[in-house]
């Protein structure tokens, strides 16, 4: 039986890990949790936040709306409430484009180095 290395073995992430993944501060993430109902991670018995992959996707979606596209939190909340699916799709496309852009920049640097 082969080991599936594509699967992520970690079920829950801490607020520090999620903030690091997204590129924001923990306090900002806590504030967003108060303002946006879709950002409600599970909490342990001692009050520690436990983020799942789905929670992290929601954080990335809000990050895209607020930090990348420039919406206010109230507008992001409204967009998520009205059209979550469309917002998610646009966020995924934007993330893909950013990754492609970064890869192209890296390739350009390598080509510049060779010439």
PDB file of N, CA and C in Angstrom:
ATOM      1  N   UNK A   1       0.842  -1.183   0.000  1.00  0.00           N
ATOM      2  CA  UNK A   1       0.000   0.000   0.000  1.00  0.00           C
ATOM      3  C   UNK A   1       0.885   1.244   0.000  1.00  0.00           C
ATOM      4  N   UNK A   2       0.656   2.140  -0.945  1.00  0.00           N
ATOM      5  CA  UNK A   2       1.475   3.333  -1.094  1.00  0.00           C
ATOM      6  C   UNK A   2       0.993   4.429  -0.150  1.00  0.00           C
ATOM      7  N   UNK A   3       1.925   5.218   0.313  1.00  0.00           N
ATOM      8  CA  UNK A   3       1.625   6.340   1.190  1.00  0.00           C
ATOM      9  C   UNK A   3       1.203   7.533   0.353  1.00  0.00           C
ATOM     10  N   UNK A   4       0.094   8.132   0.695  1.00  0.00           N
ATOM     11  CA  UNK A   4      -0.399   9.309  -0.018  1.00  0.00           C
ATOM     12  C   UNK A   4       0.265  10.549   0.572  1.00  0.00           C
ATOM     13  N   UNK A   5       1.250  11.082  -0.138  1.00  0.00           N
ATOM     14  CA  UNK A   5       1.976  12.247   0.368  1.00  0.00           C
ATOM     15  C   UNK A   5       1.275  13.555   0.048  1.00  0.00           C
ATOM     16  N   UNK A   6       0.242  13.532  -0.789  1.00  0.00           N
ATOM     17  CA  UNK A   6      -0.480  14.759  -1.131  1.00  0.00           C
ATOM     18  C   UNK A   6      -1.388  15.217  -0.001  1.00  0.00           C
ATOM     19  N   UNK A   7      -1.768  14.308   0.849  1.00  0.00           N
ATOM     20  CA  UNK A   7      -2.680  14.630   1.936  1.00  0.00           C
ATOM     21  C   UNK A   7      -1.965  15.398   3.040  1.00  0.00           C
ATOM     22  N   UNK A   8      -2.626  16.394   3.550  1.00  0.00           N
ATOM     23  CA  UNK A   8      -2.086  17.131   4.676  1.00  0.00           C
ATOM     24  C   UNK A   8      -2.495  16.394   5.949  1.00  0.00           C
ATOM     25  N   UNK A   9      -1.534  16.012   6.768  1.00  0.00           N
ATOM     26  CA  UNK A   9      -1.823  15.224   7.946  1.00  0.00           C
ATOM     27  C   UNK A   9      -2.316  16.053   9.124  1.00  0.00           C
ATOM     28  N   UNK A  10      -2.140  17.349   9.067  1.00  0.00           N
ATOM     29  CA  UNK A  10      -2.530  18.206  10.177  1.00  0.00           C
ATOM     30  C   UNK A  10      -3.993  18.621  10.025  1.00  0.00           C
ATOM     31  N   UNK A  11      -4.785  18.396  11.072  1.00  0.00           N
ATOM     32  CA  UNK A  11      -6.205  18.741  11.017  1.00  0.00           C
ATOM     33  C   UNK A  11      -6.476  20.173  11.458  1.00  0.00           C
ATOM     34  N   UNK A  12      -5.740  20.634  12.463  1.00  0.00           N
ATOM     35  CA  UNK A  12      -5.983  21.960  13.019  1.00  0.00           C
ATOM     36  C   UNK A  12      -4.703  22.774  13.054  1.00  0.00           C
ATOM     37  N   UNK A  13      -4.860  24.072  12.846  1.00  0.00           N
ATOM     38  CA  UNK A  13      -3.751  25.015  12.875  1.00  0.00           C
ATOM     39  C   UNK A  13      -4.024  26.070  13.939  1.00  0.00           C
ATOM     40  N   UNK A  14      -2.962  26.608  14.518  1.00  0.00           N
ATOM     41  CA  UNK A  14      -3.101  27.664  15.510  1.00  0.00           C
ATOM     42  C   UNK A  14      -3.280  29.011  14.813  1.00  0.00           C
ATOM     43  N   UNK A  15      -3.682  30.005  15.577  1.00  0.00           N
ATOM     44  CA  UNK A  15      -3.862  31.343  15.008  1.00  0.00           C
ATOM     45  C   UNK A  15      -2.531  31.893  14.504  1.00  0.00           C
ATOM     46  N   UNK A  16      -1.444  31.566  15.183  1.00  0.00           N
ATOM     47  CA  UNK A  16      -0.125  32.022  14.765  1.00  0.00           C
ATOM     48  C   UNK A  16       0.257  31.430  13.409  1.00  0.00           C
ATOM     49  N   UNK A  17      -0.027  30.149  13.223  1.00  0.00           N
ATOM     50  CA  UNK A  17       0.278  29.501  11.949  1.00  0.00           C
ATOM     51  C   UNK A  17      -0.560  30.080  10.815  1.00  0.00           C
ATOM     52  N   UNK A  18      -1.831  30.301  11.072  1.00  0.00           N
ATOM     53  CA  UNK A  18      -2.726  30.838  10.039  1.00  0.00           C
ATOM     54  C   UNK A  18      -2.318  32.269   9.685  1.00  0.00           C
ATOM     55  N   UNK A  19      -2.032  33.071  10.682  1.00  0.00           N
ATOM     56  CA  UNK A  19      -1.613  34.447  10.424  1.00  0.00           C
ATOM     57  C   UNK A  19      -0.331  34.463   9.592  1.00  0.00           C
ATOM     58  N   UNK A  20       0.589  33.550   9.884  1.00  0.00           N
ATOM     59  CA  UNK A  20       1.819  33.449   9.104  1.00  0.00           C
ATOM     60  C   UNK A  20       1.563  33.012   7.672  1.00  0.00           C
ATOM     61  N   UNK A  21       0.646  32.081   7.479  1.00  0.00           N
ATOM     62  CA  UNK A  21       0.316  31.605   6.124  1.00  0.00           C
ATOM     63  C   UNK A  21      -0.246  32.714   5.263  1.00  0.00           C
ATOM     64  N   UNK A  22      -1.109  33.514   5.866  1.00  0.00           N
ATOM     65  CA  UNK A  22      -1.811  34.551   5.113  1.00  0.00           C
ATOM     66  C   UNK A  22      -0.976  35.821   5.009  1.00  0.00           C
ATOM     67  N   UNK A  23      -0.126  36.067   5.993  1.00  0.00           N
ATOM     68  CA  UNK A  23       0.709  37.263   5.973  1.00  0.00           C
ATOM     69  C   UNK A  23       0.089  38.433   6.698  1.00  0.00           C
ATOM     70  N   UNK A  24      -0.474  38.154   7.861  1.00  0.00           N
ATOM     71  CA  UNK A  24      -1.088  39.215   8.659  1.00  0.00           C
ATOM     72  C   UNK A  24      -0.797  38.958  10.134  1.00  0.00           C
ATOM     73  N   UNK A  25      -1.200  39.873  10.986  1.00  0.00           N
ATOM     74  CA  UNK A  25      -0.949  39.714  12.412  1.00  0.00           C
ATOM     75  C   UNK A  25      -2.078  38.924  13.064  1.00  0.00           C
ATOM     76  N   UNK A  26      -1.771  38.330  14.189  1.00  0.00           N
ATOM     77  CA  UNK A  26      -2.766  37.561  14.941  1.00  0.00           C
ATOM     78  C   UNK A  26      -3.889  38.467  15.445  1.00  0.00           C
ATOM     79  N   UNK A  27      -3.533  39.657  15.902  1.00  0.00           N
ATOM     80  CA  UNK A  27      -4.557  40.572  16.424  1.00  0.00           C
ATOM     81  C   UNK A  27      -5.518  41.011  15.320  1.00  0.00           C
ATOM     82  N   UNK A  28      -4.991  41.206  14.119  1.00  0.00           N
ATOM     83  CA  UNK A  28      -5.850  41.575  12.996  1.00  0.00           C
ATOM     84  C   UNK A  28      -6.805  40.437  12.655  1.00  0.00           C
ATOM     85  N   UNK A  29      -6.306  39.217  12.716  1.00  0.00           N
ATOM     86  CA  UNK A  29      -7.142  38.049  12.452  1.00  0.00           C
ATOM     87  C   UNK A  29      -8.239  37.915  13.505  1.00  0.00           C
ATOM     88  N   UNK A  30      -7.903  38.169  14.777  1.00  0.00           N
ATOM     89  CA  UNK A  30      -8.914  38.122  15.833  1.00  0.00           C
ATOM     90  C   UNK A  30      -9.996  39.182  15.602  1.00  0.00           C
ATOM     91  N   UNK A  31      -9.563  40.366  15.171  1.00  0.00           N
ATOM     92  CA  UNK A  31     -10.514  41.438  14.882  1.00  0.00           C
ATOM     93  C   UNK A  31     -11.453  41.028  13.746  1.00  0.00           C
ATOM     94  N   UNK A  32     -10.906  40.443  12.705  1.00  0.00           N
ATOM     95  CA  UNK A  32     -11.733  40.000  11.586  1.00  0.00           C
ATOM     96  C   UNK A  32     -12.756  38.960  12.038  1.00  0.00           C
ATOM     97  N   UNK A  33     -12.361  38.096  12.963  1.00  0.00           N
ATOM     98  CA  UNK A  33     -13.294  37.082  13.474  1.00  0.00           C
ATOM     99  C   UNK A  33     -14.505  37.733  14.139  1.00  0.00           C
ATOM    100  N   UNK A  34     -14.291  38.865  14.802  1.00  0.00           N
ATOM    101  CA  UNK A  34     -15.396  39.575  15.439  1.00  0.00           C
ATOM    102  C   UNK A  34     -16.306  40.233  14.407  1.00  0.00           C
ATOM    103  N   UNK A  35     -15.736  40.687  13.309  1.00  0.00           N
ATOM    104  CA  UNK A  35     -16.469  41.460  12.314  1.00  0.00           C
ATOM    105  C   UNK A  35     -17.136  40.618  11.232  1.00  0.00           C
ATOM    106  N   UNK A  36     -16.603  39.430  10.954  1.00  0.00           N
ATOM    107  CA  UNK A  36     -17.105  38.626   9.838  1.00  0.00           C
ATOM    108  C   UNK A  36     -17.573  37.274  10.351  1.00  0.00           C
ATOM    109  N   UNK A  37     -18.858  36.992  10.258  1.00  0.00           N
ATOM    110  CA  UNK A  37     -19.418  35.758  10.821  1.00  0.00           C
ATOM    111  C   UNK A  37     -18.839  34.472  10.219  1.00  0.00           C
ATOM    112  N   UNK A  38     -18.382  34.510   8.971  1.00  0.00           N
ATOM    113  CA  UNK A  38     -17.839  33.310   8.335  1.00  0.00           C
ATOM    114  C   UNK A  38     -16.493  32.884   8.917  1.00  0.00           C
ATOM    115  N   UNK A  39     -15.854  33.758   9.667  1.00  0.00           N
ATOM    116  CA  UNK A  39     -14.556  33.442  10.271  1.00  0.00           C
ATOM    117  C   UNK A  39     -14.762  33.035  11.728  1.00  0.00           C
ATOM    118  N   UNK A  40     -15.200  31.835  11.947  1.00  0.00           N
ATOM    119  CA  UNK A  40     -15.422  31.317  13.298  1.00  0.00           C
ATOM    120  C   UNK A  40     -14.728  29.963  13.435  1.00  0.00           C
ATOM    121  N   UNK A  41     -13.451  29.968  13.822  1.00  0.00           N
ATOM    122  CA  UNK A  41     -12.772  28.683  13.999  1.00  0.00           C
ATOM    123  C   UNK A  41     -13.268  27.964  15.255  1.00  0.00           C
ATOM    124  N   UNK A  42     -13.055  26.684  15.285  1.00  0.00           N
ATOM    125  CA  UNK A  42     -13.395  25.885  16.462  1.00  0.00           C
ATOM    126  C   UNK A  42     -12.450  26.295  17.595  1.00  0.00           C
ATOM    127  N   UNK A  43     -12.960  26.268  18.827  1.00  0.00           N
ATOM    128  CA  UNK A  43     -12.103  26.573  19.972  1.00  0.00           C
ATOM    129  C   UNK A  43     -12.014  25.344  20.865  1.00  0.00           C
ATOM    130  N   UNK A  44     -10.839  25.166  21.452  1.00  0.00           N
ATOM    131  CA  UNK A  44     -10.633  24.032  22.350  1.00  0.00           C
ATOM    132  C   UNK A  44     -11.224  24.360  23.725  1.00  0.00           C
ATOM    133  N   UNK A  45     -11.159  23.409  24.628  1.00  0.00           N
ATOM    134  CA  UNK A  45     -11.711  23.603  25.974  1.00  0.00           C
ATOM    135  C   UNK A  45     -11.053  24.769  26.706  1.00  0.00           C
ATOM    136  N   UNK A  46      -9.756  25.000  26.428  1.00  0.00           N
ATOM    137  CA  UNK A  46      -9.068  26.097  27.101  1.00  0.00           C
ATOM    138  C   UNK A  46      -9.060  27.383  26.268  1.00  0.00           C
ATOM    139  N   UNK A  47      -9.908  27.454  25.216  1.00  0.00           N
ATOM    140  CA  UNK A  47     -10.086  28.696  24.478  1.00  0.00           C
ATOM    141  C   UNK A  47      -9.142  28.929  23.317  1.00  0.00           C
ATOM    142  N   UNK A  48      -8.301  27.962  22.970  1.00  0.00           N
ATOM    143  CA  UNK A  48      -7.391  28.129  21.837  1.00  0.00           C
ATOM    144  C   UNK A  48      -8.143  27.921  20.530  1.00  0.00           C
ATOM    145  N   UNK A  49      -7.880  28.795  19.570  1.00  0.00           N
ATOM    146  CA  UNK A  49      -8.530  28.674  18.269  1.00  0.00           C
ATOM    147  C   UNK A  49      -7.895  27.533  17.484  1.00  0.00           C
ATOM    148  N   UNK A  50      -8.745  26.744  16.813  1.00  0.00           N
ATOM    149  CA  UNK A  50      -8.282  25.628  16.002  1.00  0.00           C
ATOM    150  C   UNK A  50      -8.857  25.795  14.605  1.00  0.00           C
ATOM    151  N   UNK A  51      -8.003  26.170  13.658  1.00  0.00           N
ATOM    152  CA  UNK A  51      -8.427  26.431  12.295  1.00  0.00           C
ATOM    153  C   UNK A  51      -8.295  25.182  11.443  1.00  0.00           C
ATOM    154  N   UNK A  52      -9.324  24.884  10.664  1.00  0.00           N
ATOM    155  CA  UNK A  52      -9.272  23.799   9.695  1.00  0.00           C
ATOM    156  C   UNK A  52      -8.871  24.385   8.338  1.00  0.00           C
ATOM    157  N   UNK A  53      -8.682  23.510   7.360  1.00  0.00           N
ATOM    158  CA  UNK A  53      -8.360  23.979   6.009  1.00  0.00           C
ATOM    159  C   UNK A  53      -9.481  24.882   5.472  1.00  0.00           C
ATOM    160  N   UNK A  54     -10.722  24.531   5.779  1.00  0.00           N
ATOM    161  CA  UNK A  54     -11.864  25.346   5.338  1.00  0.00           C
ATOM    162  C   UNK A  54     -11.806  26.740   5.971  1.00  0.00           C
ATOM    163  N   UNK A  55     -11.471  26.803   7.254  1.00  0.00           N
ATOM    164  CA  UNK A  55     -11.339  28.100   7.936  1.00  0.00           C
ATOM    165  C   UNK A  55     -10.244  28.943   7.289  1.00  0.00           C
ATOM    166  N   UNK A  56      -9.142  28.298   6.935  1.00  0.00           N
ATOM    167  CA  UNK A  56      -8.017  29.014   6.317  1.00  0.00           C
ATOM    168  C   UNK A  56      -8.428  29.553   4.950  1.00  0.00           C
ATOM    169  N   UNK A  57      -9.200  28.783   4.196  1.00  0.00           N
ATOM    170  CA  UNK A  57      -9.701  29.265   2.907  1.00  0.00           C
ATOM    171  C   UNK A  57     -10.584  30.491   3.099  1.00  0.00           C
ATOM    172  N   UNK A  58     -11.414  30.478   4.134  1.00  0.00           N
ATOM    173  CA  UNK A  58     -12.261  31.652   4.419  1.00  0.00           C
ATOM    174  C   UNK A  58     -11.404  32.866   4.756  1.00  0.00           C
ATOM    175  N   UNK A  59     -10.360  32.668   5.540  1.00  0.00           N
ATOM    176  CA  UNK A  59      -9.460  33.778   5.883  1.00  0.00           C
ATOM    177  C   UNK A  59      -8.794  34.311   4.623  1.00  0.00           C
ATOM    178  N   UNK A  60      -8.338  33.422   3.756  1.00  0.00           N
ATOM    179  CA  UNK A  60      -7.697  33.858   2.507  1.00  0.00           C
ATOM    180  C   UNK A  60      -8.673  34.621   1.620  1.00  0.00           C
ATOM    181  N   UNK A  61      -9.925  34.200   1.606  1.00  0.00           N
ATOM    182  CA  UNK A  61     -10.933  34.896   0.810  1.00  0.00           C
ATOM    183  C   UNK A  61     -11.140  36.315   1.329  1.00  0.00           C
ATOM    184  N   UNK A  62     -11.264  36.452   2.637  1.00  0.00           N
ATOM    185  CA  UNK A  62     -11.437  37.784   3.231  1.00  0.00           C
ATOM    186  C   UNK A  62     -10.185  38.624   2.999  1.00  0.00           C
ATOM    187  N   UNK A  63      -9.014  38.013   3.140  1.00  0.00           N
ATOM    188  CA  UNK A  63      -7.750  38.728   2.896  1.00  0.00           C
ATOM    189  C   UNK A  63      -7.726  39.262   1.468  1.00  0.00           C
ATOM    190  N   UNK A  64      -8.135  38.432   0.522  1.00  0.00           N
ATOM    191  CA  UNK A  64      -8.154  38.853  -0.870  1.00  0.00           C
ATOM    192  C   UNK A  64      -9.086  40.044  -1.061  1.00  0.00           C
ATOM    193  N   UNK A  65     -10.262  39.983  -0.453  1.00  0.00           N
ATOM    194  CA  UNK A  65     -11.216  41.080  -0.602  1.00  0.00           C
ATOM    195  C   UNK A  65     -10.715  42.371   0.035  1.00  0.00           C
ATOM    196  N   UNK A  66     -10.153  42.252   1.228  1.00  0.00           N
ATOM    197  CA  UNK A  66      -9.788  43.455   1.988  1.00  0.00           C
ATOM    198  C   UNK A  66      -8.412  43.984   1.605  1.00  0.00           C
ATOM    199  N   UNK A  67      -7.417  43.139   1.623  1.00  0.00           N
ATOM    200  CA  UNK A  67      -6.041  43.604   1.414  1.00  0.00           C
ATOM    201  C   UNK A  67      -5.652  43.704  -0.054  1.00  0.00           C
ATOM    202  N   UNK A  68      -6.116  42.778  -0.886  1.00  0.00           N
ATOM    203  CA  UNK A  68      -5.716  42.781  -2.298  1.00  0.00           C
ATOM    204  C   UNK A  68      -6.637  43.673  -3.127  1.00  0.00           C
ATOM    205  N   UNK A  69      -7.951  43.492  -2.944  1.00  0.00           N
ATOM    206  CA  UNK A  69      -8.904  44.218  -3.773  1.00  0.00           C
ATOM    207  C   UNK A  69      -9.351  45.540  -3.166  1.00  0.00           C
ATOM    208  N   UNK A  70      -9.044  45.778  -1.893  1.00  0.00           N
ATOM    209  CA  UNK A  70      -9.285  47.076  -1.275  1.00  0.00           C
ATOM    210  C   UNK A  70     -10.683  47.336  -0.735  1.00  0.00           C
ATOM    211  N   UNK A  71     -11.470  46.291  -0.512  1.00  0.00           N
ATOM    212  CA  UNK A  71     -12.798  46.478   0.063  1.00  0.00           C
ATOM    213  C   UNK A  71     -12.693  46.746   1.560  1.00  0.00           C
ATOM    214  N   UNK A  72     -13.683  47.425   2.106  1.00  0.00           N
ATOM    215  CA  UNK A  72     -13.784  47.573   3.555  1.00  0.00           C
ATOM    216  C   UNK A  72     -14.353  46.286   4.122  1.00  0.00           C
ATOM    217  N   UNK A  73     -14.173  46.079   5.421  1.00  0.00           N
ATOM    218  CA  UNK A  73     -14.673  44.853   6.052  1.00  0.00           C
ATOM    219  C   UNK A  73     -16.181  44.713   5.897  1.00  0.00           C
ATOM    220  N   UNK A  74     -16.904  45.800   6.011  1.00  0.00           N
ATOM    221  CA  UNK A  74     -18.364  45.724   5.875  1.00  0.00           C
ATOM    222  C   UNK A  74     -18.753  45.284   4.463  1.00  0.00           C
ATOM    223  N   UNK A  75     -18.047  45.764   3.457  1.00  0.00           N
ATOM    224  CA  UNK A  75     -18.336  45.359   2.080  1.00  0.00           C
ATOM    225  C   UNK A  75     -17.949  43.902   1.859  1.00  0.00           C
ATOM    226  N   UNK A  76     -16.837  43.483   2.447  1.00  0.00           N
ATOM    227  CA  UNK A  76     -16.411  42.080   2.331  1.00  0.00           C
ATOM    228  C   UNK A  76     -17.432  41.160   2.987  1.00  0.00           C
ATOM    229  N   UNK A  77     -17.924  41.545   4.150  1.00  0.00           N
ATOM    230  CA  UNK A  77     -18.945  40.756   4.850  1.00  0.00           C
ATOM    231  C   UNK A  77     -20.195  40.626   3.990  1.00  0.00           C
ATOM    232  N   UNK A  78     -20.610  41.740   3.386  1.00  0.00           N
ATOM    233  CA  UNK A  78     -21.805  41.737   2.535  1.00  0.00           C
ATOM    234  C   UNK A  78     -21.599  40.857   1.306  1.00  0.00           C
ATOM    235  N   UNK A  79     -20.434  40.954   0.684  1.00  0.00           N
ATOM    236  CA  UNK A  79     -20.153  40.136  -0.496  1.00  0.00           C
ATOM    237  C   UNK A  79     -20.138  38.653  -0.144  1.00  0.00           C
ATOM    238  N   UNK A  80     -19.545  38.307   0.981  1.00  0.00           N
ATOM    239  CA  UNK A  80     -19.505  36.911   1.398  1.00  0.00           C
ATOM    240  C   UNK A  80     -20.911  36.390   1.689  1.00  0.00           C
ATOM    241  N   UNK A  81     -21.741  37.216   2.256  1.00  0.00           N
ATOM    242  CA  UNK A  81     -23.107  36.814   2.581  1.00  0.00           C
ATOM    243  C   UNK A  81     -23.938  36.620   1.307  1.00  0.00           C
ATOM    244  N   UNK A  82     -23.766  37.513   0.346  1.00  0.00           N
ATOM    245  CA  UNK A  82     -24.592  37.470  -0.863  1.00  0.00           C
ATOM    246  C   UNK A  82     -24.096  36.467  -1.894  1.00  0.00           C
ATOM    247  N   UNK A  83     -22.784  36.371  -2.084  1.00  0.00           N
ATOM    248  CA  UNK A  83     -22.258  35.569  -3.185  1.00  0.00           C
ATOM    249  C   UNK A  83     -20.938  34.908  -2.802  1.00  0.00           C
ATOM    250  N   UNK A  84     -20.950  34.049  -1.819  1.00  0.00           N
ATOM    251  CA  UNK A  84     -19.726  33.403  -1.339  1.00  0.00           C
ATOM    252  C   UNK A  84     -19.041  32.604  -2.438  1.00  0.00           C
ATOM    253  N   UNK A  85     -19.809  31.893  -3.221  1.00  0.00           N
ATOM    254  CA  UNK A  85     -19.241  31.044  -4.263  1.00  0.00           C
ATOM    255  C   UNK A  85     -18.478  31.863  -5.304  1.00  0.00           C
ATOM    256  N   UNK A  86     -19.069  32.959  -5.760  1.00  0.00           N
ATOM    257  CA  UNK A  86     -18.413  33.818  -6.740  1.00  0.00           C
ATOM    258  C   UNK A  86     -17.163  34.467  -6.188  1.00  0.00           C
ATOM    259  N   UNK A  87     -17.219  34.873  -4.937  1.00  0.00           N
ATOM    260  CA  UNK A  87     -16.061  35.489  -4.288  1.00  0.00           C
ATOM    261  C   UNK A  87     -14.931  34.471  -4.164  1.00  0.00           C
ATOM    262  N   UNK A  88     -15.267  33.226  -3.793  1.00  0.00           N
ATOM    263  CA  UNK A  88     -14.262  32.170  -3.674  1.00  0.00           C
ATOM    264  C   UNK A  88     -13.578  31.909  -5.011  1.00  0.00           C
ATOM    265  N   UNK A  89     -14.370  31.842  -6.074  1.00  0.00           N
ATOM    266  CA  UNK A  89     -13.800  31.583  -7.398  1.00  0.00           C
ATOM    267  C   UNK A  89     -12.851  32.691  -7.818  1.00  0.00           C
ATOM    268  N   UNK A  90     -13.261  33.933  -7.597  1.00  0.00           N
ATOM    269  CA  UNK A  90     -12.405  35.060  -7.949  1.00  0.00           C
ATOM    270  C   UNK A  90     -11.122  35.054  -7.120  1.00  0.00           C
ATOM    271  N   UNK A  91     -11.221  34.681  -5.855  1.00  0.00           N
ATOM    272  CA  UNK A  91     -10.046  34.628  -4.994  1.00  0.00           C
ATOM    273  C   UNK A  91      -9.072  33.561  -5.487  1.00  0.00           C
ATOM    274  N   UNK A  92      -9.593  32.401  -5.885  1.00  0.00           N
ATOM    275  CA  UNK A  92      -8.723  31.336  -6.397  1.00  0.00           C
ATOM    276  C   UNK A  92      -8.029  31.763  -7.683  1.00  0.00           C
ATOM    277  N   UNK A  93      -8.758  32.413  -8.569  1.00  0.00           N
ATOM    278  CA  UNK A  93      -8.170  32.888  -9.815  1.00  0.00           C
ATOM    279  C   UNK A  93      -7.070  33.902  -9.519  1.00  0.00           C
ATOM    280  N   UNK A  94      -7.348  34.815  -8.591  1.00  0.00           N
ATOM    281  CA  UNK A  94      -6.366  35.838  -8.240  1.00  0.00           C
ATOM    282  C   UNK A  94      -5.109  35.209  -7.652  1.00  0.00           C
ATOM    283  N   UNK A  95      -5.273  34.230  -6.766  1.00  0.00           N
ATOM    284  CA  UNK A  95      -4.117  33.553  -6.179  1.00  0.00           C
ATOM    285  C   UNK A  95      -3.307  32.836  -7.249  1.00  0.00           C
ATOM    286  N   UNK A  96      -3.980  32.212  -8.196  1.00  0.00           N
ATOM    287  CA  UNK A  96      -3.283  31.533  -9.292  1.00  0.00           C
ATOM    288  C   UNK A  96      -2.498  32.527 -10.136  1.00  0.00           C
ATOM    289  N   UNK A  97      -3.110  33.649 -10.441  1.00  0.00           N
ATOM    290  CA  UNK A  97      -2.423  34.669 -11.229  1.00  0.00           C
ATOM    291  C   UNK A  97      -1.201  35.222 -10.496  1.00  0.00           C
ATOM    292  N   UNK A  98      -1.327  35.406  -9.197  1.00  0.00           N
ATOM    293  CA  UNK A  98      -0.196  35.906  -8.416  1.00  0.00           C
ATOM    294  C   UNK A  98       0.941  34.891  -8.415  1.00  0.00           C
ATOM    295  N   UNK A  99       0.598  33.598  -8.265  1.00  0.00           N
ATOM    296  CA  UNK A  99       1.638  32.560  -8.311  1.00  0.00           C
ATOM    297  C   UNK A  99       2.322  32.521  -9.671  1.00  0.00           C
ATOM    298  N   UNK A 100       1.546  32.635 -10.747  1.00  0.00           N
ATOM    299  CA  UNK A 100       2.117  32.631 -12.096  1.00  0.00           C
ATOM    300  C   UNK A 100       3.029  33.835 -12.280  1.00  0.00           C
ATOM    301  N   UNK A 101       2.575  34.997 -11.818  1.00  0.00           N
ATOM    302  CA  UNK A 101       3.396  36.204 -11.922  1.00  0.00           C
ATOM    303  C   UNK A 101       4.713  36.037 -11.180  1.00  0.00           C
ATOM    304  N   UNK A 102       4.654  35.499  -9.974  1.00  0.00           N
ATOM    305  CA  UNK A 102       5.878  35.302  -9.191  1.00  0.00           C
ATOM    306  C   UNK A 102       6.816  34.313  -9.865  1.00  0.00           C
ATOM    307  N   UNK A 103       6.253  33.268 -10.447  1.00  0.00           N
ATOM    308  CA  UNK A 103       7.063  32.286 -11.158  1.00  0.00           C
ATOM    309  C   UNK A 103       7.725  32.911 -12.393  1.00  0.00           C
ATOM    310  N   UNK A 104       6.978  33.742 -13.111  1.00  0.00           N
ATOM    311  CA  UNK A 104       7.542  34.425 -14.270  1.00  0.00           C
ATOM    312  C   UNK A 104       8.658  35.388 -13.873  1.00  0.00           C
ATOM    313  N   UNK A 105       8.473  36.075 -12.752  1.00  0.00           N
ATOM    314  CA  UNK A 105       9.525  36.967 -12.261  1.00  0.00           C
ATOM    315  C   UNK A 105      10.783  36.179 -11.923  1.00  0.00           C
ATOM    316  N   UNK A 106      10.585  35.022 -11.297  1.00  0.00           N
ATOM    317  CA  UNK A 106      11.720  34.168 -10.954  1.00  0.00           C
ATOM    318  C   UNK A 106      12.444  33.689 -12.212  1.00  0.00           C
ATOM    319  N   UNK A 107      11.691  33.279 -13.214  1.00  0.00           N
ATOM    320  CA  UNK A 107      12.297  32.835 -14.469  1.00  0.00           C
ATOM    321  C   UNK A 107      13.046  33.976 -15.159  1.00  0.00           C
ATOM    322  N   UNK A 108      12.467  35.177 -15.109  1.00  0.00           N
ATOM    323  CA  UNK A 108      13.129  36.330 -15.714  1.00  0.00           C
ATOM    324  C   UNK A 108      14.464  36.614 -15.024  1.00  0.00           C
ATOM    325  N   UNK A 109      14.487  36.519 -13.698  1.00  0.00           N
ATOM    326  CA  UNK A 109      15.741  36.727 -12.971  1.00  0.00           C
ATOM    327  C   UNK A 109      16.786  35.702 -13.375  1.00  0.00           C
ATOM    328  N   UNK A 110      16.345  34.459 -13.531  1.00  0.00           N
ATOM    329  CA  UNK A 110      17.275  33.410 -13.937  1.00  0.00           C
ATOM    330  C   UNK A 110      17.810  33.661 -15.346  1.00  0.00           C
ATOM    331  N   UNK A 111      16.934  34.096 -16.247  1.00  0.00           N
ATOM    332  CA  UNK A 111      17.372  34.406 -17.609  1.00  0.00           C
ATOM    333  C   UNK A 111      18.319  35.599 -17.629  1.00  0.00           C
ATOM    334  N   UNK A 112      18.007  36.613 -16.838  1.00  0.00           N
ATOM    335  CA  UNK A 112      18.878  37.785 -16.752  1.00  0.00           C
ATOM    336  C   UNK A 112      20.256  37.409 -16.242  1.00  0.00           C
ATOM    337  N   UNK A 113      20.290  36.461 -15.328  1.00  0.00           N
ATOM    338  CA  UNK A 113      21.546  36.014 -14.753  1.00  0.00           C
ATOM    339  C   UNK A 113      22.396  35.286 -15.801  1.00  0.00           C
ATOM    340  N   UNK A 114      21.729  34.545 -16.683  1.00  0.00           N
ATOM    341  CA  UNK A 114      22.448  33.784 -17.711  1.00  0.00           C
ATOM    342  C   UNK A 114      23.001  34.668 -18.814  1.00  0.00           C
ATOM    343  N   UNK A 115      22.371  35.820 -19.064  1.00  0.00           N
ATOM    344  CA  UNK A 115      22.821  36.677 -20.157  1.00  0.00           C
ATOM    345  C   UNK A 115      23.813  37.703 -19.716  1.00  0.00           C
TER     346      UNK A 115
END
